[in-house]
């Protein structure tokens, strides 16, 4: 799995964490979310579960949060489009063995989101699904 899974996790981190002029604001309800990540990369599959705290600031403008996270990694977020209940964007990440690109299709409501991404890396195709639901308030 190696680098491709790390890239997959980077993309998930981007989702967990764009304001593009003229785009509608995408927001979630702040709080603690349980995420399930399913990855199929380089012929290896895996499923993990974790939690993430969406602060009021991050949850208010998810698009801006994604763009900020992309700047903190070796990834670029592009082609961000929003519609009611839907967000799409592309991610390109530089790695030691080349570039991994993914197209992301997100559906969301105030207390959930699902991101399905498909792409390619030097090792072959990559696909992943992140499903998240709000489970309560963030722990202090």
N, C-alpha and C. Protein backbone atom coordinates (compact mmCIF):
# COMPACT_ATOMS: atom_id res chain seq x y z
N UNK A 1 0.84 -1.18 0.00
CA UNK A 1 0.00 0.00 0.00
C UNK A 1 0.88 1.24 0.00
N UNK A 2 1.77 1.40 0.89
CA UNK A 2 2.81 2.41 0.92
C UNK A 2 2.37 3.83 0.66
N UNK A 3 3.08 4.47 -0.29
CA UNK A 3 2.89 5.90 -0.56
C UNK A 3 1.48 6.22 -1.03
N UNK A 4 0.89 5.32 -1.80
CA UNK A 4 -0.44 5.60 -2.30
C UNK A 4 -1.45 5.69 -1.17
N UNK A 5 -1.35 4.83 -0.19
CA UNK A 5 -2.26 4.90 0.94
C UNK A 5 -1.99 6.18 1.72
N UNK A 6 -0.72 6.56 1.86
CA UNK A 6 -0.42 7.83 2.53
C UNK A 6 -1.09 8.97 1.79
N UNK A 7 -1.04 8.96 0.44
CA UNK A 7 -1.73 9.99 -0.33
C UNK A 7 -3.22 9.91 -0.08
N UNK A 8 -3.76 8.69 -0.03
CA UNK A 8 -5.18 8.52 0.24
C UNK A 8 -5.54 9.14 1.57
N UNK A 9 -4.70 8.93 2.54
CA UNK A 9 -4.94 9.50 3.86
C UNK A 9 -4.81 11.02 3.80
N UNK A 10 -3.87 11.53 2.98
CA UNK A 10 -3.74 12.97 2.81
C UNK A 10 -5.02 13.57 2.25
N UNK A 11 -5.60 12.89 1.27
CA UNK A 11 -6.85 13.36 0.68
C UNK A 11 -7.95 13.34 1.73
N UNK A 12 -7.98 12.30 2.53
CA UNK A 12 -8.96 12.24 3.62
C UNK A 12 -8.73 13.38 4.58
N UNK A 13 -7.47 13.66 4.90
CA UNK A 13 -7.16 14.78 5.78
C UNK A 13 -7.66 16.08 5.15
N UNK A 14 -7.52 16.20 3.86
CA UNK A 14 -8.04 17.39 3.18
C UNK A 14 -9.55 17.49 3.35
N UNK A 15 -10.23 16.35 3.24
CA UNK A 15 -11.68 16.38 3.44
C UNK A 15 -12.03 16.69 4.87
N UNK A 16 -11.20 16.22 5.73
CA UNK A 16 -11.50 16.46 7.12
C UNK A 16 -11.20 17.88 7.48
N UNK A 17 -10.44 18.29 6.92
CA UNK A 17 -10.12 19.66 7.27
C UNK A 17 -11.01 20.49 6.44
N UNK A 18 -12.84 25.23 0.39
CA UNK A 18 -11.99 25.99 -0.35
C UNK A 18 -12.81 27.17 -0.51
N UNK A 19 -12.14 29.49 0.47
CA UNK A 19 -13.36 29.97 -0.12
C UNK A 19 -12.99 30.38 -1.53
N UNK A 20 -13.64 29.83 -2.51
CA UNK A 20 -13.39 30.19 -3.89
C UNK A 20 -14.37 31.30 -4.25
N UNK A 21 -13.88 32.42 -4.79
CA UNK A 21 -14.79 33.51 -5.11
C UNK A 21 -15.93 33.03 -6.00
N UNK A 22 -17.13 33.42 -5.64
CA UNK A 22 -18.29 33.07 -6.43
C UNK A 22 -18.89 31.71 -6.11
N UNK A 23 -18.25 30.94 -5.27
CA UNK A 23 -18.76 29.62 -4.95
C UNK A 23 -19.65 29.71 -3.71
N UNK A 24 -20.64 28.84 -3.64
CA UNK A 24 -21.51 28.78 -2.47
C UNK A 24 -20.72 28.26 -1.28
N UNK A 25 -21.07 28.72 -0.11
CA UNK A 25 -20.40 28.25 1.10
C UNK A 25 -20.95 26.90 1.51
N UNK A 26 -20.05 25.97 1.81
CA UNK A 26 -20.41 24.64 2.26
C UNK A 26 -20.12 24.58 3.75
N UNK A 27 -21.12 24.20 4.54
CA UNK A 27 -20.89 24.15 5.98
C UNK A 27 -21.47 22.88 6.59
N UNK A 28 -20.89 22.51 7.72
CA UNK A 28 -21.34 21.38 8.53
C UNK A 28 -21.67 21.91 9.91
N UNK A 29 -22.36 21.11 10.68
CA UNK A 29 -22.61 21.44 12.08
C UNK A 29 -21.33 21.12 12.86
N UNK A 30 -20.80 22.05 13.63
CA UNK A 30 -19.59 21.77 14.41
C UNK A 30 -19.83 20.61 15.37
N UNK A 31 -18.75 19.88 15.66
CA UNK A 31 -18.86 18.79 16.61
C UNK A 31 -17.94 17.64 16.27
N UNK A 32 -18.14 16.54 16.97
CA UNK A 32 -17.33 15.34 16.80
C UNK A 32 -17.98 14.43 15.76
N UNK A 33 -17.19 14.04 14.76
CA UNK A 33 -17.67 13.18 13.68
C UNK A 33 -16.91 11.86 13.69
N UNK A 34 -17.63 10.78 13.50
CA UNK A 34 -17.01 9.47 13.34
C UNK A 34 -16.86 9.23 11.83
N UNK A 35 -15.62 8.89 11.41
CA UNK A 35 -15.34 8.65 10.00
C UNK A 35 -14.97 7.19 9.77
N UNK A 36 -15.44 6.67 8.65
CA UNK A 36 -15.04 5.34 8.20
C UNK A 36 -14.38 5.54 6.84
N UNK A 37 -13.13 5.08 6.72
CA UNK A 37 -12.36 5.20 5.49
C UNK A 37 -12.17 3.82 4.88
N UNK A 38 -12.57 3.67 3.63
CA UNK A 38 -12.35 2.44 2.88
C UNK A 38 -11.45 2.79 1.71
N UNK A 39 -10.30 2.09 1.59
CA UNK A 39 -9.32 2.39 0.55
C UNK A 39 -9.02 1.14 -0.26
N UNK A 40 -8.89 1.33 -1.57
CA UNK A 40 -8.41 0.29 -2.47
C UNK A 40 -7.32 0.95 -3.30
N UNK A 41 -6.06 0.62 -3.00
CA UNK A 41 -4.92 1.26 -3.65
C UNK A 41 -3.85 0.23 -3.98
N UNK A 42 -3.37 0.28 -5.18
CA UNK A 42 -2.30 -0.63 -5.60
C UNK A 42 -2.64 -2.09 -5.31
N UNK A 43 -3.92 -2.43 -5.42
CA UNK A 43 -4.33 -3.81 -5.19
C UNK A 43 -4.52 -4.17 -3.73
N UNK A 44 -4.25 -3.26 -2.83
CA UNK A 44 -4.45 -3.50 -1.40
C UNK A 44 -5.70 -2.77 -0.94
N UNK A 45 -6.42 -3.40 -0.04
CA UNK A 45 -7.63 -2.77 0.49
C UNK A 45 -7.50 -2.61 1.99
N UNK A 46 -8.24 -1.67 2.52
CA UNK A 46 -8.24 -1.47 3.96
C UNK A 46 -9.43 -0.66 4.39
N UNK A 47 -9.75 -0.78 5.66
CA UNK A 47 -10.88 -0.04 6.24
C UNK A 47 -10.46 0.40 7.63
N UNK A 48 -10.61 1.69 7.91
CA UNK A 48 -10.27 2.22 9.23
C UNK A 48 -11.40 3.12 9.71
N UNK A 49 -11.41 3.32 11.01
CA UNK A 49 -12.41 4.19 11.63
C UNK A 49 -11.68 5.12 12.59
N UNK A 50 -12.07 6.40 12.60
CA UNK A 50 -11.51 7.36 13.54
C UNK A 50 -12.55 8.44 13.82
N UNK A 51 -12.17 9.43 14.59
CA UNK A 51 -13.04 10.57 14.85
C UNK A 51 -12.27 11.85 14.54
N UNK A 52 -13.02 12.88 14.22
CA UNK A 52 -12.44 14.19 13.95
C UNK A 52 -13.35 15.25 14.54
N UNK A 53 -12.75 16.26 15.10
CA UNK A 53 -13.51 17.38 15.67
C UNK A 53 -13.55 18.52 14.66
N UNK A 54 -14.76 18.89 14.26
CA UNK A 54 -14.93 20.05 13.39
C UNK A 54 -15.22 21.25 14.28
N UNK A 55 -14.28 22.17 14.35
CA UNK A 55 -14.47 23.40 15.14
C UNK A 55 -15.50 24.28 14.43
N UNK A 56 -16.10 25.22 15.16
CA UNK A 56 -17.06 26.12 14.51
C UNK A 56 -16.44 26.86 13.32
N UNK A 57 -15.18 27.26 13.44
CA UNK A 57 -14.52 28.00 12.35
C UNK A 57 -14.34 27.11 11.11
N UNK A 58 -13.83 25.89 11.32
CA UNK A 58 -13.61 24.98 10.19
C UNK A 58 -14.93 24.52 9.57
N UNK A 59 -15.92 24.24 10.40
CA UNK A 59 -17.20 23.73 9.91
C UNK A 59 -17.99 24.79 9.16
N UNK A 60 -17.73 26.06 9.46
CA UNK A 60 -18.48 27.15 8.83
C UNK A 60 -18.20 27.23 7.33
N UNK A 61 -16.95 27.00 6.93
CA UNK A 61 -16.59 27.10 5.51
C UNK A 61 -15.65 25.94 5.15
N UNK A 62 -16.24 24.80 4.83
CA UNK A 62 -15.48 23.59 4.54
C UNK A 62 -14.56 23.80 3.34
N UNK A 63 -15.01 24.52 2.33
CA UNK A 63 -14.20 24.76 1.14
C UNK A 63 -12.91 25.48 1.50
N UNK A 64 -13.01 26.50 2.32
CA UNK A 64 -11.81 27.23 2.76
C UNK A 64 -10.90 26.31 3.58
N UNK A 65 -11.47 25.49 4.42
CA UNK A 65 -10.68 24.57 5.24
C UNK A 65 -9.91 23.58 4.38
N UNK A 66 -10.56 23.05 3.33
CA UNK A 66 -9.89 22.12 2.42
C UNK A 66 -8.71 22.79 1.73
N UNK A 67 -8.93 24.01 1.24
CA UNK A 67 -7.86 24.73 0.54
C UNK A 67 -6.68 24.99 1.46
N UNK A 68 -6.95 25.35 2.70
CA UNK A 68 -5.88 25.60 3.67
C UNK A 68 -5.10 24.32 3.94
N UNK A 69 -5.78 23.19 4.09
CA UNK A 69 -5.10 21.92 4.34
C UNK A 69 -4.21 21.54 3.16
N UNK A 70 -4.65 21.82 1.94
CA UNK A 70 -3.85 21.51 0.77
C UNK A 70 -2.54 22.27 0.74
N UNK A 71 -2.54 23.49 1.26
CA UNK A 71 -1.32 24.30 1.30
C UNK A 71 -0.32 23.75 2.32
N UNK A 72 -0.80 23.02 3.32
CA UNK A 72 0.08 22.48 4.36
C UNK A 72 0.72 21.17 3.95
N UNK A 73 0.30 20.60 2.83
CA UNK A 73 0.87 19.35 2.32
C UNK A 73 1.46 19.63 0.96
N UNK A 74 1.94 18.59 0.29
CA UNK A 74 2.45 18.75 -1.07
C UNK A 74 1.33 18.45 -2.06
N UNK A 75 0.13 18.93 -1.74
CA UNK A 75 -1.06 18.67 -2.55
C UNK A 75 -1.67 20.00 -3.01
N UNK A 76 -2.29 19.94 -4.19
CA UNK A 76 -3.02 21.10 -4.71
C UNK A 76 -4.47 20.71 -4.89
N UNK A 77 -5.36 21.58 -4.44
CA UNK A 77 -6.80 21.40 -4.61
C UNK A 77 -7.22 22.28 -5.78
N UNK A 78 -8.02 21.72 -6.71
CA UNK A 78 -8.46 22.50 -7.87
C UNK A 78 -9.87 22.11 -8.28
N UNK A 79 -10.41 22.88 -9.21
CA UNK A 79 -11.72 22.60 -9.82
C UNK A 79 -12.82 22.39 -8.78
N UNK A 80 -12.87 23.27 -7.79
CA UNK A 80 -13.87 23.17 -6.73
C UNK A 80 -15.22 23.67 -7.26
N UNK A 81 -16.24 22.84 -7.12
CA UNK A 81 -17.58 23.21 -7.53
C UNK A 81 -18.54 22.83 -6.41
N UNK A 82 -19.51 23.71 -6.17
CA UNK A 82 -20.50 23.44 -5.13
C UNK A 82 -21.91 23.54 -5.71
N UNK A 83 -22.80 22.80 -5.11
CA UNK A 83 -24.24 22.84 -5.39
C UNK A 83 -24.90 22.43 -4.08
N UNK A 84 -26.18 22.69 -3.92
CA UNK A 84 -26.83 22.29 -2.67
C UNK A 84 -26.61 20.80 -2.37
N UNK A 85 -25.98 20.52 -1.23
CA UNK A 85 -25.75 19.14 -0.81
C UNK A 85 -24.64 18.42 -1.54
N UNK A 86 -23.87 19.13 -2.35
CA UNK A 86 -22.83 18.49 -3.16
C UNK A 86 -21.60 19.39 -3.29
N UNK A 87 -20.43 18.75 -3.29
CA UNK A 87 -19.15 19.44 -3.45
C UNK A 87 -18.26 18.52 -4.28
N UNK A 88 -17.62 19.04 -5.32
CA UNK A 88 -16.65 18.26 -6.08
C UNK A 88 -15.35 19.05 -6.15
N UNK A 89 -14.24 18.32 -6.17
CA UNK A 89 -12.93 18.95 -6.31
C UNK A 89 -11.91 17.89 -6.71
N UNK A 90 -10.79 18.37 -7.25
CA UNK A 90 -9.69 17.48 -7.62
C UNK A 90 -8.51 17.76 -6.71
N UNK A 91 -7.70 16.72 -6.45
CA UNK A 91 -6.50 16.86 -5.64
C UNK A 91 -5.34 16.22 -6.39
N UNK A 92 -4.22 16.92 -6.42
CA UNK A 92 -2.99 16.40 -7.03
C UNK A 92 -1.89 16.49 -5.98
N UNK A 93 -1.27 15.34 -5.65
CA UNK A 93 -0.23 15.29 -4.61
C UNK A 93 1.08 14.79 -5.20
N UNK A 94 2.16 15.53 -4.94
CA UNK A 94 3.49 15.10 -5.36
C UNK A 94 4.02 14.11 -4.35
N UNK A 95 4.61 13.03 -4.88
CA UNK A 95 5.21 12.00 -4.04
C UNK A 95 6.59 11.66 -4.57
N UNK A 96 7.34 10.89 -3.83
CA UNK A 96 8.68 10.49 -4.26
C UNK A 96 8.66 9.76 -5.60
N UNK A 97 7.62 8.98 -5.85
CA UNK A 97 7.55 8.18 -7.08
C UNK A 97 6.68 8.81 -8.15
N UNK A 98 6.29 10.06 -8.01
CA UNK A 98 5.47 10.71 -9.02
C UNK A 98 4.33 11.49 -8.41
N UNK A 99 3.24 11.58 -9.16
CA UNK A 99 2.08 12.37 -8.75
C UNK A 99 0.86 11.48 -8.65
N UNK A 100 0.08 11.67 -7.60
CA UNK A 100 -1.20 10.99 -7.44
C UNK A 100 -2.30 12.02 -7.62
N UNK A 101 -3.28 11.71 -8.47
CA UNK A 101 -4.39 12.62 -8.69
C UNK A 101 -5.69 11.91 -8.34
N UNK A 102 -6.62 12.64 -7.77
CA UNK A 102 -7.93 12.09 -7.45
C UNK A 102 -9.02 13.10 -7.76
N UNK A 103 -10.17 12.59 -8.17
CA UNK A 103 -11.38 13.38 -8.34
C UNK A 103 -12.30 13.01 -7.18
N UNK A 104 -12.81 14.01 -6.49
CA UNK A 104 -13.61 13.79 -5.29
C UNK A 104 -15.04 14.26 -5.50
N UNK A 105 -15.97 13.43 -5.06
CA UNK A 105 -17.40 13.74 -5.17
C UNK A 105 -17.98 13.61 -3.76
N UNK A 106 -18.40 14.72 -3.19
CA UNK A 106 -18.86 14.77 -1.81
C UNK A 106 -20.35 15.09 -1.77
N UNK A 107 -21.07 14.33 -0.97
CA UNK A 107 -22.45 14.67 -0.64
C UNK A 107 -22.47 14.97 0.85
N UNK A 108 -23.29 15.92 1.26
CA UNK A 108 -23.27 16.31 2.66
C UNK A 108 -24.61 16.88 3.10
N UNK A 109 -24.78 16.86 4.40
CA UNK A 109 -25.90 17.50 5.07
C UNK A 109 -25.33 18.16 6.30
N UNK A 110 -26.14 18.73 7.16
CA UNK A 110 -25.60 19.43 8.32
C UNK A 110 -24.84 18.52 9.29
N UNK A 111 -25.17 17.22 9.33
CA UNK A 111 -24.58 16.30 10.31
C UNK A 111 -23.86 15.10 9.69
N UNK A 112 -23.56 15.14 8.39
CA UNK A 112 -22.89 14.00 7.75
C UNK A 112 -22.18 14.47 6.48
N UNK A 113 -21.24 13.67 6.01
CA UNK A 113 -20.70 13.82 4.67
C UNK A 113 -20.15 12.48 4.19
N UNK A 114 -20.17 12.31 2.88
CA UNK A 114 -19.60 11.14 2.24
C UNK A 114 -18.75 11.63 1.08
N UNK A 115 -17.50 11.21 1.03
CA UNK A 115 -16.59 11.57 -0.05
C UNK A 115 -16.18 10.30 -0.79
N UNK A 116 -16.46 10.25 -2.07
CA UNK A 116 -16.01 9.14 -2.91
C UNK A 116 -14.96 9.72 -3.84
N UNK A 117 -13.76 9.14 -3.82
CA UNK A 117 -12.70 9.64 -4.70
C UNK A 117 -12.12 8.49 -5.51
N UNK A 118 -11.79 8.84 -6.74
CA UNK A 118 -11.17 7.87 -7.65
C UNK A 118 -10.01 8.59 -8.32
N UNK A 119 -8.91 7.86 -8.51
CA UNK A 119 -7.77 8.49 -9.13
C UNK A 119 -6.72 7.49 -9.55
N UNK A 120 -5.52 8.02 -9.77
CA UNK A 120 -4.43 7.18 -10.20
C UNK A 120 -3.12 7.66 -9.59
N UNK A 121 -2.24 6.69 -9.40
CA UNK A 121 -0.91 6.96 -8.89
C UNK A 121 0.08 6.17 -9.72
N UNK A 122 1.35 6.33 -9.44
CA UNK A 122 2.37 5.55 -10.15
C UNK A 122 2.13 4.06 -9.96
N UNK A 123 1.55 3.67 -8.83
CA UNK A 123 1.31 2.27 -8.53
C UNK A 123 0.04 1.71 -9.14
N UNK A 124 -0.80 2.56 -9.71
CA UNK A 124 -2.04 2.10 -10.30
C UNK A 124 -3.23 2.89 -9.81
N UNK A 125 -4.42 2.36 -10.05
CA UNK A 125 -5.64 3.08 -9.65
C UNK A 125 -5.80 3.11 -8.14
N UNK A 126 -6.48 4.15 -7.68
CA UNK A 126 -6.78 4.29 -6.26
C UNK A 126 -8.24 4.73 -6.13
N UNK A 127 -8.94 4.13 -5.19
CA UNK A 127 -10.30 4.57 -4.90
C UNK A 127 -10.49 4.54 -3.39
N UNK A 128 -11.30 5.46 -2.92
CA UNK A 128 -11.57 5.50 -1.49
C UNK A 128 -12.92 6.13 -1.23
N UNK A 129 -13.46 5.76 -0.09
CA UNK A 129 -14.73 6.32 0.34
C UNK A 129 -14.59 6.68 1.82
N UNK A 130 -15.00 7.89 2.13
CA UNK A 130 -15.03 8.35 3.52
C UNK A 130 -16.48 8.67 3.85
N UNK A 131 -16.99 8.02 4.88
CA UNK A 131 -18.34 8.30 5.37
C UNK A 131 -18.20 8.83 6.78
N UNK A 132 -18.83 9.96 7.05
CA UNK A 132 -18.73 10.56 8.38
C UNK A 132 -20.09 11.03 8.86
N UNK A 133 -20.30 10.85 10.17
CA UNK A 133 -21.55 11.34 10.77
C UNK A 133 -21.23 11.98 12.11
N UNK A 134 -21.99 13.00 12.44
CA UNK A 134 -21.80 13.69 13.71
C UNK A 134 -22.29 12.79 14.83
N UNK A 135 -21.46 12.66 15.89
CA UNK A 135 -21.83 11.79 16.99
C UNK A 135 -21.93 12.55 18.32
N UNK A 136 -21.71 13.85 18.28
CA UNK A 136 -21.82 14.63 19.52
C UNK A 136 -20.92 15.84 19.51
N UNK A 137 -20.68 16.35 20.69
CA UNK A 137 -19.83 17.53 20.84
C UNK A 137 -18.36 17.08 20.91
N UNK A 138 -17.47 17.99 20.54
CA UNK A 138 -16.04 17.70 20.63
C UNK A 138 -15.64 17.60 22.10
N UNK A 139 -14.68 16.70 22.35
CA UNK A 139 -14.18 16.58 23.71
C UNK A 139 -13.21 17.71 23.98
N UNK A 140 -13.26 18.24 25.17
CA UNK A 140 -12.38 19.36 25.54
C UNK A 140 -11.01 18.88 25.89
